[in-house]
Amino acid sequence: MKVTTSIYILLFIGLGTFIISGCDNPPRQGTEAESEEVMTVDDSNQNQLFQDVEKAVCVLHPTEGNNVSGTVTFTRNGSSITVEADVEGLTPGLHGFHIHEYGDCSAADGTSAGGHFNPDDSDHGGPNDEERHVGDLGNIEAGQDGRAQFELTDSLISFTGANSIIGRAVVVHAGEDDLTSQPTGDAGGRLACGIIGVAE
């Protein structure tokens, strides 16, 4: 009887120790709790880091088999941002022009930049539509010389917060964005890609 009672006591103590030690352990890496905490810290740091940014720039480089290049500048204009692009090497006509989710142009065809930047999970549209991706900037139009110059002031893109474009990519497409087809406007392949960075 005494032996049996001692065994129960030892089991009870061991179980209590296990529960207490388990409660003291932090969440494992990759858990939802930890991911949310990291995201919150990152967003806060980004807001502090980029809140005084007045200008950003993107240098476009051709994807494999193409010769499209250029620069895109983003300048703070009150509560909006003015986008100016100068692109060359295009076929005459309209070409889809978007901000994509990832700042990664390493893939030969530019697909590493992901889809259109769309933090609100909205439908695709044009830059003047009430519902659109944050990255939907419409089209640039090239003349017979293959050069396109573009200017747009937009109140949806930002340098901070959920709509921040810093570190994302600009992509120029082979075809025209029809501004309605889902999810990309049927704009075709990617002719050029560049990453948006802070400028002086």
N, C-alpha and C. Protein backbone atom coordinates (compact mmCIF):
# COMPACT_ATOMS: atom_id res chain seq x y z
N MET A 1 0.83 -1.19 0.00
CA MET A 1 0.00 0.00 0.00
C MET A 1 0.87 1.25 0.00
N LYS A 2 1.90 1.24 0.89
CA LYS A 2 2.79 2.39 0.94
C LYS A 2 3.52 2.58 -0.38
N VAL A 3 3.93 1.48 -1.01
CA VAL A 3 4.64 1.55 -2.30
C VAL A 3 3.74 2.15 -3.36
N THR A 4 2.49 1.68 -3.41
CA THR A 4 1.55 2.18 -4.41
C THR A 4 1.29 3.66 -4.23
N THR A 5 1.12 4.08 -2.99
CA THR A 5 0.89 5.50 -2.71
C THR A 5 2.08 6.34 -3.13
N SER A 6 3.27 5.86 -2.88
CA SER A 6 4.49 6.59 -3.27
C SER A 6 4.57 6.74 -4.78
N ILE A 7 4.19 5.70 -5.51
CA ILE A 7 4.23 5.76 -6.98
C ILE A 7 3.27 6.83 -7.48
N TYR A 8 2.04 6.87 -6.90
CA TYR A 8 1.06 7.89 -7.32
C TYR A 8 1.58 9.29 -7.04
N ILE A 9 2.21 9.47 -5.89
CA ILE A 9 2.76 10.79 -5.55
C ILE A 9 3.83 11.20 -6.54
N LEU A 10 4.72 10.29 -6.89
CA LEU A 10 5.79 10.59 -7.84
C LEU A 10 5.23 10.92 -9.22
N LEU A 11 4.22 10.16 -9.65
CA LEU A 11 3.59 10.43 -10.95
C LEU A 11 2.95 11.81 -10.96
N PHE A 12 2.28 12.16 -9.85
CA PHE A 12 1.61 13.46 -9.75
C PHE A 12 2.62 14.60 -9.83
N ILE A 13 3.73 14.45 -9.11
CA ILE A 13 4.78 15.49 -9.11
C ILE A 13 5.40 15.61 -10.51
N GLY A 14 5.65 14.47 -11.15
CA GLY A 14 6.25 14.49 -12.48
C GLY A 14 5.35 15.16 -13.49
N LEU A 15 4.03 14.85 -13.42
CA LEU A 15 3.08 15.45 -14.35
C LEU A 15 2.99 16.96 -14.15
N GLY A 16 3.00 17.39 -12.89
CA GLY A 16 2.94 18.82 -12.60
C GLY A 16 4.16 19.54 -13.13
N THR A 17 5.32 18.93 -12.97
CA THR A 17 6.57 19.53 -13.49
C THR A 17 6.51 19.67 -15.00
N PHE A 18 6.00 18.65 -15.69
CA PHE A 18 5.88 18.67 -17.15
C PHE A 18 4.97 19.80 -17.62
N ILE A 19 3.82 19.94 -16.94
CA ILE A 19 2.87 20.99 -17.33
C ILE A 19 3.46 22.37 -17.12
N ILE A 20 4.12 22.57 -15.96
CA ILE A 20 4.71 23.87 -15.66
C ILE A 20 5.81 24.22 -16.66
N SER A 21 6.68 23.25 -16.94
CA SER A 21 7.78 23.52 -17.88
C SER A 21 7.23 23.78 -19.26
N GLY A 22 6.15 23.11 -19.65
CA GLY A 22 5.55 23.33 -20.96
C GLY A 22 4.97 24.72 -21.07
N CYS A 23 4.38 25.24 -19.99
CA CYS A 23 3.81 26.58 -20.01
C CYS A 23 4.89 27.64 -20.10
N ASP A 24 6.08 27.34 -19.54
CA ASP A 24 7.16 28.32 -19.56
C ASP A 24 7.85 28.43 -20.91
N ASN A 25 7.71 27.40 -21.75
CA ASN A 25 8.40 27.41 -23.04
C ASN A 25 7.75 28.40 -23.98
N PRO A 26 8.53 29.19 -24.75
CA PRO A 26 7.95 30.13 -25.72
C PRO A 26 7.41 29.36 -26.91
N PRO A 27 6.52 30.01 -27.75
CA PRO A 27 6.00 29.34 -28.93
C PRO A 27 7.13 28.93 -29.85
N ARG A 28 6.99 27.81 -30.51
CA ARG A 28 8.01 27.35 -31.44
C ARG A 28 8.06 28.27 -32.65
N GLN A 29 9.22 28.32 -33.28
CA GLN A 29 9.39 29.15 -34.46
C GLN A 29 8.41 28.73 -35.53
N GLY A 30 7.77 29.75 -36.12
CA GLY A 30 6.84 29.46 -37.20
C GLY A 30 5.40 29.35 -36.75
N THR A 31 5.13 29.45 -35.44
CA THR A 31 3.75 29.38 -34.98
C THR A 31 3.05 30.68 -35.31
N GLU A 32 1.72 30.63 -35.30
CA GLU A 32 0.93 31.81 -35.65
C GLU A 32 1.21 32.97 -34.70
N ALA A 33 1.32 32.66 -33.40
CA ALA A 33 1.57 33.71 -32.41
C ALA A 33 2.87 34.43 -32.70
N GLU A 34 3.90 33.67 -33.00
CA GLU A 34 5.21 34.28 -33.26
C GLU A 34 5.18 35.05 -34.57
N SER A 35 4.52 34.51 -35.60
CA SER A 35 4.46 35.19 -36.89
C SER A 35 3.77 36.53 -36.76
N GLU A 36 2.66 36.58 -35.99
CA GLU A 36 1.94 37.83 -35.82
C GLU A 36 2.81 38.85 -35.09
N GLU A 37 3.57 38.40 -34.10
CA GLU A 37 4.43 39.31 -33.35
C GLU A 37 5.52 39.87 -34.25
N VAL A 38 6.13 39.03 -35.07
CA VAL A 38 7.19 39.47 -35.97
C VAL A 38 6.65 40.47 -36.99
N MET A 39 5.46 40.17 -37.54
CA MET A 39 4.86 41.07 -38.53
C MET A 39 4.59 42.43 -37.92
N THR A 40 4.09 42.45 -36.68
CA THR A 40 3.80 43.72 -36.01
C THR A 40 5.08 44.53 -35.82
N VAL A 41 6.13 43.87 -35.38
CA VAL A 41 7.41 44.56 -35.18
C VAL A 41 7.94 45.09 -36.50
N ASP A 42 7.86 44.28 -37.55
CA ASP A 42 8.36 44.71 -38.85
C ASP A 42 7.60 45.92 -39.36
N ASP A 43 6.26 45.91 -39.26
CA ASP A 43 5.46 47.03 -39.72
C ASP A 43 5.82 48.30 -38.95
N SER A 44 5.99 48.18 -37.64
CA SER A 44 6.32 49.33 -36.81
C SER A 44 7.68 49.89 -37.20
N ASN A 45 8.65 49.00 -37.37
CA ASN A 45 9.99 49.45 -37.76
C ASN A 45 9.98 50.12 -39.12
N GLN A 46 9.19 49.55 -40.05
CA GLN A 46 9.13 50.13 -41.39
C GLN A 46 8.54 51.53 -41.34
N ASN A 47 7.47 51.71 -40.57
CA ASN A 47 6.86 53.03 -40.47
C ASN A 47 7.84 54.05 -39.93
N GLN A 48 8.63 53.67 -38.94
CA GLN A 48 9.61 54.59 -38.37
C GLN A 48 10.74 54.86 -39.36
N LEU A 49 11.14 53.82 -40.08
CA LEU A 49 12.28 53.93 -40.98
C LEU A 49 11.96 54.77 -42.21
N PHE A 50 10.73 54.63 -42.74
CA PHE A 50 10.40 55.27 -44.01
C PHE A 50 9.45 56.46 -43.90
N GLN A 51 9.11 56.87 -42.67
CA GLN A 51 8.12 57.93 -42.53
C GLN A 51 8.60 59.26 -43.09
N ASP A 52 9.92 59.45 -43.16
CA ASP A 52 10.47 60.72 -43.67
C ASP A 52 10.94 60.60 -45.12
N VAL A 53 10.70 59.46 -45.75
CA VAL A 53 11.12 59.29 -47.14
C VAL A 53 10.30 60.19 -48.05
N GLU A 54 10.97 60.91 -48.91
CA GLU A 54 10.31 61.80 -49.86
C GLU A 54 10.36 61.27 -51.29
N LYS A 55 11.29 60.33 -51.54
CA LYS A 55 11.45 59.87 -52.92
C LYS A 55 11.99 58.44 -52.95
N ALA A 56 11.52 57.68 -53.91
CA ALA A 56 12.02 56.32 -54.16
C ALA A 56 12.26 56.17 -55.65
N VAL A 57 13.09 55.21 -56.01
CA VAL A 57 13.43 55.01 -57.41
C VAL A 57 13.51 53.53 -57.75
N CYS A 58 13.22 53.20 -58.98
CA CYS A 58 13.31 51.83 -59.48
C CYS A 58 14.02 51.86 -60.83
N VAL A 59 15.06 51.07 -60.97
CA VAL A 59 15.76 50.93 -62.25
C VAL A 59 15.28 49.63 -62.90
N LEU A 60 14.68 49.76 -64.07
CA LEU A 60 14.14 48.61 -64.78
C LEU A 60 15.21 47.93 -65.63
N HIS A 61 15.27 46.61 -65.52
CA HIS A 61 16.20 45.82 -66.31
C HIS A 61 15.41 44.82 -67.16
N PRO A 62 15.89 44.55 -68.37
CA PRO A 62 15.15 43.64 -69.25
C PRO A 62 15.15 42.21 -68.73
N THR A 63 14.05 41.52 -68.94
CA THR A 63 14.01 40.09 -68.68
C THR A 63 14.67 39.38 -69.87
N GLU A 64 14.88 38.09 -69.74
CA GLU A 64 15.61 37.34 -70.75
C GLU A 64 14.95 37.44 -72.13
N GLY A 65 15.76 37.79 -73.13
CA GLY A 65 15.27 37.88 -74.50
C GLY A 65 14.66 39.22 -74.85
N ASN A 66 14.66 40.16 -73.93
CA ASN A 66 14.08 41.48 -74.18
C ASN A 66 15.12 42.57 -74.00
N ASN A 67 14.79 43.79 -74.44
CA ASN A 67 15.74 44.90 -74.29
C ASN A 67 15.08 46.14 -73.72
N VAL A 68 14.04 45.94 -72.92
CA VAL A 68 13.32 47.06 -72.32
C VAL A 68 14.04 47.49 -71.04
N SER A 69 14.25 48.78 -70.89
CA SER A 69 14.90 49.31 -69.70
C SER A 69 14.33 50.69 -69.39
N GLY A 70 14.69 51.21 -68.23
CA GLY A 70 14.21 52.55 -67.88
C GLY A 70 14.28 52.81 -66.39
N THR A 71 13.71 53.93 -65.99
CA THR A 71 13.67 54.30 -64.59
C THR A 71 12.26 54.75 -64.21
N VAL A 72 11.92 54.49 -62.96
CA VAL A 72 10.64 54.94 -62.41
C VAL A 72 10.94 55.64 -61.10
N THR A 73 10.42 56.84 -60.92
CA THR A 73 10.60 57.55 -59.65
C THR A 73 9.25 57.74 -58.97
N PHE A 74 9.29 57.71 -57.65
CA PHE A 74 8.11 57.89 -56.83
C PHE A 74 8.40 59.05 -55.87
N THR A 75 7.63 60.12 -55.95
CA THR A 75 7.90 61.31 -55.16
C THR A 75 6.68 61.65 -54.30
N ARG A 76 6.92 61.85 -53.00
CA ARG A 76 5.83 62.22 -52.11
C ARG A 76 5.25 63.56 -52.55
N ASN A 77 3.93 63.62 -52.59
CA ASN A 77 3.23 64.83 -53.03
C ASN A 77 2.04 65.03 -52.09
N GLY A 78 2.32 65.61 -50.90
CA GLY A 78 1.29 65.70 -49.88
C GLY A 78 0.95 64.31 -49.36
N SER A 79 -0.33 63.95 -49.43
CA SER A 79 -0.75 62.62 -49.00
C SER A 79 -0.73 61.61 -50.14
N SER A 80 -0.29 62.03 -51.30
CA SER A 80 -0.22 61.16 -52.48
C SER A 80 1.23 60.95 -52.90
N ILE A 81 1.42 60.11 -53.90
CA ILE A 81 2.74 59.88 -54.47
C ILE A 81 2.65 60.05 -55.99
N THR A 82 3.56 60.82 -56.54
CA THR A 82 3.62 61.01 -57.99
C THR A 82 4.59 60.01 -58.60
N VAL A 83 4.10 59.26 -59.58
CA VAL A 83 4.89 58.25 -60.26
C VAL A 83 5.29 58.80 -61.62
N GLU A 84 6.59 58.75 -61.92
CA GLU A 84 7.09 59.18 -63.23
C GLU A 84 7.97 58.08 -63.81
N ALA A 85 7.68 57.70 -65.04
CA ALA A 85 8.45 56.62 -65.68
C ALA A 85 8.98 57.07 -67.03
N ASP A 86 10.16 56.59 -67.33
CA ASP A 86 10.79 56.81 -68.64
C ASP A 86 11.35 55.46 -69.07
N VAL A 87 10.68 54.84 -70.06
CA VAL A 87 11.00 53.47 -70.45
C VAL A 87 11.28 53.42 -71.94
N GLU A 88 12.27 52.62 -72.34
CA GLU A 88 12.60 52.50 -73.76
C GLU A 88 12.76 51.04 -74.15
N GLY A 89 12.75 50.81 -75.47
CA GLY A 89 12.91 49.45 -75.97
C GLY A 89 11.60 48.71 -76.18
N LEU A 90 10.49 49.43 -76.10
CA LEU A 90 9.16 48.83 -76.23
C LEU A 90 8.68 48.80 -77.67
N THR A 91 7.73 47.94 -77.95
CA THR A 91 7.00 48.03 -79.21
C THR A 91 5.98 49.15 -79.07
N PRO A 92 5.64 49.84 -80.16
CA PRO A 92 4.67 50.93 -80.06
C PRO A 92 3.33 50.44 -79.51
N GLY A 93 2.71 51.28 -78.68
CA GLY A 93 1.40 50.94 -78.13
C GLY A 93 1.41 50.87 -76.61
N LEU A 94 0.33 50.30 -76.06
CA LEU A 94 0.13 50.26 -74.62
C LEU A 94 0.75 49.02 -73.99
N HIS A 95 1.29 49.20 -72.78
CA HIS A 95 1.92 48.10 -72.05
C HIS A 95 1.52 48.18 -70.58
N GLY A 96 1.06 47.06 -70.02
CA GLY A 96 0.71 47.01 -68.62
C GLY A 96 1.87 47.43 -67.74
N PHE A 97 1.54 48.17 -66.68
CA PHE A 97 2.57 48.78 -65.83
C PHE A 97 2.09 48.66 -64.39
N HIS A 98 2.75 47.78 -63.62
CA HIS A 98 2.25 47.45 -62.30
C HIS A 98 3.36 47.38 -61.26
N ILE A 99 2.95 47.55 -60.00
CA ILE A 99 3.82 47.24 -58.87
C ILE A 99 3.48 45.82 -58.44
N HIS A 100 4.51 44.97 -58.35
CA HIS A 100 4.30 43.57 -57.98
C HIS A 100 4.74 43.32 -56.54
N GLU A 101 4.27 42.21 -56.02
CA GLU A 101 4.33 41.94 -54.59
C GLU A 101 5.74 41.82 -54.03
N TYR A 102 6.62 41.13 -54.74
CA TYR A 102 7.94 40.81 -54.19
C TYR A 102 9.05 41.61 -54.88
N GLY A 103 10.00 42.05 -54.09
CA GLY A 103 11.17 42.72 -54.64
C GLY A 103 12.20 41.71 -55.08
N ASP A 104 11.83 40.90 -56.06
CA ASP A 104 12.70 39.82 -56.53
C ASP A 104 12.57 39.71 -58.05
N CYS A 105 13.59 40.14 -58.76
CA CYS A 105 13.60 40.07 -60.22
C CYS A 105 14.59 39.02 -60.71
N SER A 106 14.90 38.04 -59.87
CA SER A 106 15.96 37.09 -60.20
C SER A 106 15.56 36.08 -61.27
N ALA A 107 14.28 35.77 -61.42
CA ALA A 107 13.86 34.81 -62.43
C ALA A 107 14.05 35.40 -63.82
N ALA A 108 14.45 34.57 -64.77
CA ALA A 108 14.72 35.05 -66.13
C ALA A 108 13.51 35.72 -66.77
N ASP A 109 12.32 35.26 -66.40
CA ASP A 109 11.10 35.83 -66.98
C ASP A 109 10.40 36.81 -66.04
N GLY A 110 11.02 37.14 -64.91
CA GLY A 110 10.45 38.11 -63.99
C GLY A 110 9.36 37.58 -63.08
N THR A 111 9.03 36.31 -63.17
CA THR A 111 7.92 35.78 -62.38
C THR A 111 8.21 35.72 -60.88
N SER A 112 9.49 35.83 -60.51
CA SER A 112 9.84 35.82 -59.08
C SER A 112 9.30 37.05 -58.35
N ALA A 113 8.85 38.07 -59.12
CA ALA A 113 8.26 39.25 -58.50
C ALA A 113 6.84 38.99 -58.01
N GLY A 114 6.30 37.81 -58.28
CA GLY A 114 4.96 37.48 -57.83
C GLY A 114 3.88 38.20 -58.60
N GLY A 115 2.68 38.21 -58.03
CA GLY A 115 1.55 38.87 -58.67
C GLY A 115 1.50 40.35 -58.34
N HIS A 116 0.45 41.01 -58.80
CA HIS A 116 0.27 42.42 -58.50
C HIS A 116 0.22 42.63 -56.99
N PHE A 117 0.78 43.71 -56.51
CA PHE A 117 0.73 44.04 -55.10
C PHE A 117 -0.71 44.32 -54.71
N ASN A 118 -1.26 43.47 -53.84
CA ASN A 118 -2.69 43.49 -53.57
C ASN A 118 -2.98 43.13 -52.11
N PRO A 119 -2.55 43.99 -51.16
CA PRO A 119 -2.70 43.63 -49.74
C PRO A 119 -4.15 43.51 -49.28
N ASP A 120 -5.09 44.12 -50.01
CA ASP A 120 -6.50 44.09 -49.60
C ASP A 120 -7.28 42.97 -50.27
N ASP A 121 -6.60 42.16 -51.10
CA ASP A 121 -7.28 41.07 -51.82
C ASP A 121 -8.45 41.60 -52.64
N SER A 122 -8.21 42.68 -53.36
CA SER A 122 -9.23 43.31 -54.20
C SER A 122 -9.18 42.75 -55.62
N ASP A 123 -10.21 43.07 -56.40
CA ASP A 123 -10.20 42.72 -57.82
C ASP A 123 -9.26 43.64 -58.58
N HIS A 124 -8.78 43.15 -59.71
CA HIS A 124 -7.93 43.96 -60.58
C HIS A 124 -8.74 45.08 -61.22
N GLY A 125 -8.10 46.21 -61.45
CA GLY A 125 -8.77 47.33 -62.10
C GLY A 125 -7.77 48.34 -62.61
N GLY A 126 -8.27 49.49 -62.99
CA GLY A 126 -7.41 50.57 -63.45
C GLY A 126 -7.08 51.51 -62.30
N PRO A 127 -6.12 52.40 -62.51
CA PRO A 127 -5.68 53.29 -61.42
C PRO A 127 -6.76 54.24 -60.93
N ASN A 128 -7.78 54.48 -61.73
CA ASN A 128 -8.85 55.40 -61.33
C ASN A 128 -10.09 54.67 -60.83
N ASP A 129 -10.05 53.34 -60.79
CA ASP A 129 -11.21 52.58 -60.33
C ASP A 129 -11.31 52.59 -58.81
N GLU A 130 -12.54 52.50 -58.32
CA GLU A 130 -12.75 52.46 -56.87
C GLU A 130 -12.17 51.20 -56.27
N GLU A 131 -12.30 50.08 -56.98
CA GLU A 131 -11.69 48.83 -56.52
C GLU A 131 -10.58 48.44 -57.48
N ARG A 132 -9.41 48.19 -56.92
CA ARG A 132 -8.23 47.85 -57.72
C ARG A 132 -7.18 47.29 -56.80
N HIS A 133 -6.17 46.66 -57.39
CA HIS A 133 -4.98 46.31 -56.62
C HIS A 133 -4.22 47.61 -56.31
N VAL A 134 -3.54 47.64 -55.17
CA VAL A 134 -2.69 48.80 -54.88
C VAL A 134 -1.67 48.98 -56.00
N GLY A 135 -1.20 47.88 -56.55
CA GLY A 135 -0.18 47.95 -57.60
C GLY A 135 -0.68 48.21 -59.00
N ASP A 136 -1.98 48.39 -59.18
CA ASP A 136 -2.53 48.62 -60.52
C ASP A 136 -2.31 50.07 -60.96
N LEU A 137 -1.33 50.28 -61.81
CA LEU A 137 -1.02 51.63 -62.30
C LEU A 137 -1.43 51.81 -63.76
N GLY A 138 -2.11 50.82 -64.34
CA GLY A 138 -2.64 50.98 -65.70
C GLY A 138 -1.64 50.63 -66.78
N ASN A 139 -1.48 51.52 -67.75
CA ASN A 139 -0.61 51.29 -68.90
C ASN A 139 0.33 52.46 -69.12
N ILE A 140 1.46 52.16 -69.71
CA ILE A 140 2.31 53.19 -70.30
C ILE A 140 2.20 53.03 -71.81
N GLU A 141 2.36 54.12 -72.55
CA GLU A 141 2.20 54.06 -74.01
C GLU A 141 3.49 54.46 -74.71
N ALA A 142 3.99 53.55 -75.53
CA ALA A 142 5.23 53.80 -76.27
C ALA A 142 4.91 54.34 -77.66
N GLY A 143 5.73 55.28 -78.09
CA GLY A 143 5.60 55.81 -79.44
C GLY A 143 6.32 54.94 -80.44
N GLN A 144 6.42 55.45 -81.65
CA GLN A 144 7.08 54.69 -82.72
C GLN A 144 8.56 54.47 -82.44
N ASP A 145 9.13 55.31 -81.60
CA ASP A 145 10.55 55.16 -81.23
C ASP A 145 10.75 54.16 -80.09
N GLY A 146 9.67 53.56 -79.61
CA GLY A 146 9.78 52.58 -78.55
C GLY A 146 9.93 53.15 -77.16
N ARG A 147 9.74 54.46 -77.02
CA ARG A 147 9.92 55.11 -75.72
C ARG A 147 8.57 55.51 -75.14
N ALA A 148 8.43 55.29 -73.85
CA ALA A 148 7.21 55.67 -73.15
C ALA A 148 7.55 56.55 -71.96
N GLN A 149 6.83 57.65 -71.83
CA GLN A 149 6.95 58.52 -70.66
C GLN A 149 5.60 58.58 -69.98
N PHE A 150 5.62 58.50 -68.68
CA PHE A 150 4.38 58.29 -67.93
C PHE A 150 4.42 59.10 -66.65
N GLU A 151 3.26 59.68 -66.28
CA GLU A 151 3.16 60.38 -65.00
C GLU A 151 1.77 60.16 -64.42
N LEU A 152 1.73 59.86 -63.14
CA LEU A 152 0.47 59.60 -62.44
C LEU A 152 0.65 59.97 -60.98
N THR A 153 -0.33 60.70 -60.43
CA THR A 153 -0.34 60.96 -58.99
C THR A 153 -1.40 60.07 -58.37
N ASP A 154 -0.97 59.26 -57.41
CA ASP A 154 -1.84 58.22 -56.85
C ASP A 154 -1.91 58.34 -55.34
N SER A 155 -3.11 58.18 -54.79
CA SER A 155 -3.29 58.32 -53.34
C SER A 155 -3.37 56.99 -52.62
N LEU A 156 -3.24 55.87 -53.35
CA LEU A 156 -3.35 54.56 -52.72
C LEU A 156 -1.99 53.99 -52.33
N ILE A 157 -1.00 54.13 -53.19
CA ILE A 157 0.33 53.64 -52.85
C ILE A 157 0.94 54.53 -51.77
N SER A 158 1.90 53.98 -51.03
CA SER A 158 2.47 54.71 -49.90
C SER A 158 3.92 54.26 -49.68
N PHE A 159 4.65 55.01 -48.88
CA PHE A 159 5.99 54.62 -48.47
C PHE A 159 5.98 53.91 -47.12
N THR A 160 4.83 53.93 -46.42
CA THR A 160 4.72 53.28 -45.11
C THR A 160 3.41 52.52 -45.01
N GLY A 161 3.32 51.68 -43.98
CA GLY A 161 2.08 50.98 -43.72
C GLY A 161 1.82 49.82 -44.65
N ALA A 162 0.58 49.36 -44.64
CA ALA A 162 0.21 48.16 -45.41
C ALA A 162 0.37 48.36 -46.91
N ASN A 163 0.27 49.59 -47.39
CA ASN A 163 0.37 49.86 -48.82
C ASN A 163 1.75 50.32 -49.26
N SER A 164 2.74 50.09 -48.41
CA SER A 164 4.10 50.53 -48.73
C SER A 164 4.65 49.80 -49.96
N ILE A 165 5.22 50.56 -50.87
CA ILE A 165 5.80 49.99 -52.09
C ILE A 165 7.31 49.81 -51.98
N ILE A 166 7.92 50.28 -50.91
CA ILE A 166 9.37 50.17 -50.75
C ILE A 166 9.77 48.69 -50.71
N GLY A 167 10.75 48.33 -51.52
CA GLY A 167 11.23 46.96 -51.55
C GLY A 167 10.42 46.04 -52.45
N ARG A 168 9.40 46.57 -53.11
CA ARG A 168 8.62 45.75 -54.04
C ARG A 168 9.15 45.97 -55.45
N ALA A 169 8.48 45.42 -56.45
CA ALA A 169 9.01 45.48 -57.82
C ALA A 169 8.05 46.19 -58.76
N VAL A 170 8.61 46.83 -59.77
CA VAL A 170 7.84 47.37 -60.89
C VAL A 170 8.06 46.44 -62.07
N VAL A 171 6.96 46.11 -62.76
CA VAL A 171 7.04 45.24 -63.94
C VAL A 171 6.35 45.92 -65.12
N VAL A 172 7.01 45.87 -66.27
CA VAL A 172 6.42 46.33 -67.52
C VAL A 172 6.06 45.09 -68.34
N HIS A 173 4.83 45.06 -68.84
CA HIS A 173 4.34 43.88 -69.54
C HIS A 173 4.37 44.02 -71.06
N ALA A 174 4.27 42.88 -71.72
CA ALA A 174 4.35 42.84 -73.18
C ALA A 174 3.11 43.41 -73.85
N GLY A 175 1.96 43.23 -73.21
CA GLY A 175 0.71 43.67 -73.83
C GLY A 175 -0.01 44.73 -73.02
N GLU A 176 -1.13 45.14 -73.55
CA GLU A 176 -1.96 46.15 -72.89
C GLU A 176 -2.75 45.54 -71.74
N ASP A 177 -2.84 46.26 -70.65
CA ASP A 177 -3.71 45.89 -69.54
C ASP A 177 -5.11 46.39 -69.91
N ASP A 178 -6.07 45.45 -70.03
CA ASP A 178 -7.43 45.86 -70.39
C ASP A 178 -8.20 46.41 -69.20
N LEU A 179 -7.58 46.38 -68.02
CA LEU A 179 -8.11 46.98 -66.79
C LEU A 179 -9.33 46.27 -66.22
N THR A 180 -9.75 45.16 -66.83
CA THR A 180 -10.93 44.46 -66.34
C THR A 180 -10.70 42.96 -66.13
N SER A 181 -9.93 42.30 -67.01
CA SER A 181 -9.74 40.85 -66.90
C SER A 181 -9.06 40.51 -65.57
N GLN A 182 -9.52 39.43 -64.95
CA GLN A 182 -8.99 39.01 -63.65
C GLN A 182 -8.02 37.84 -63.82
N PRO A 183 -6.92 37.82 -63.09
CA PRO A 183 -6.56 38.80 -62.04
C PRO A 183 -5.51 39.80 -62.47
N THR A 184 -5.12 39.82 -63.76
CA THR A 184 -3.97 40.63 -64.16
C THR A 184 -4.21 41.59 -65.33
N GLY A 185 -5.42 41.62 -65.87
CA GLY A 185 -5.67 42.51 -66.99
C GLY A 185 -5.20 41.96 -68.31
N ASP A 186 -4.82 40.67 -68.35
CA ASP A 186 -4.41 40.00 -69.59
C ASP A 186 -3.29 40.77 -70.30
N ALA A 187 -2.32 41.21 -69.51
CA ALA A 187 -1.25 42.07 -70.05
C ALA A 187 -0.05 41.29 -70.59
N GLY A 188 -0.08 39.99 -70.51
CA GLY A 188 0.98 39.20 -71.13
C GLY A 188 2.25 39.10 -70.31
N GLY A 189 3.33 38.69 -71.00
CA GLY A 189 4.61 38.42 -70.34
C GLY A 189 5.25 39.67 -69.76
N ARG A 190 6.37 39.45 -69.08
CA ARG A 190 7.06 40.52 -68.37
C ARG A 190 8.34 40.90 -69.13
N LEU A 191 8.37 42.14 -69.60
CA LEU A 191 9.49 42.61 -70.42
C LEU A 191 10.63 43.20 -69.58
N ALA A 192 10.29 43.77 -68.45
CA ALA A 192 11.31 44.41 -67.61
C ALA A 192 10.85 44.38 -66.16
N CYS A 193 11.84 44.37 -65.27
CA CYS A 193 11.55 44.29 -63.82
C CYS A 193 12.61 45.07 -63.07
N GLY A 194 12.19 45.73 -62.00
CA GLY A 194 13.13 46.46 -61.16
C GLY A 194 12.60 46.59 -59.76
N ILE A 195 13.47 46.77 -58.79
CA ILE A 195 13.08 46.83 -57.38
C ILE A 195 13.08 48.29 -56.91
N ILE A 196 12.06 48.62 -56.13
CA ILE A 196 11.88 50.00 -55.64
C ILE A 196 12.73 50.19 -54.38
N GLY A 197 13.57 51.22 -54.41
CA GLY A 197 14.40 51.52 -53.25
C GLY A 197 14.33 53.00 -52.90
N VAL A 198 14.70 53.32 -51.68
CA VAL A 198 14.69 54.71 -51.21
C VAL A 198 15.75 55.51 -51.96
N ALA A 199 15.40 56.75 -52.34
CA ALA A 199 16.34 57.64 -53.04
C ALA A 199 16.52 58.92 -52.25
N GLU A 200 17.63 59.59 -52.48
CA GLU A 200 17.89 60.87 -51.84
C GLU A 200 17.08 61.97 -52.52
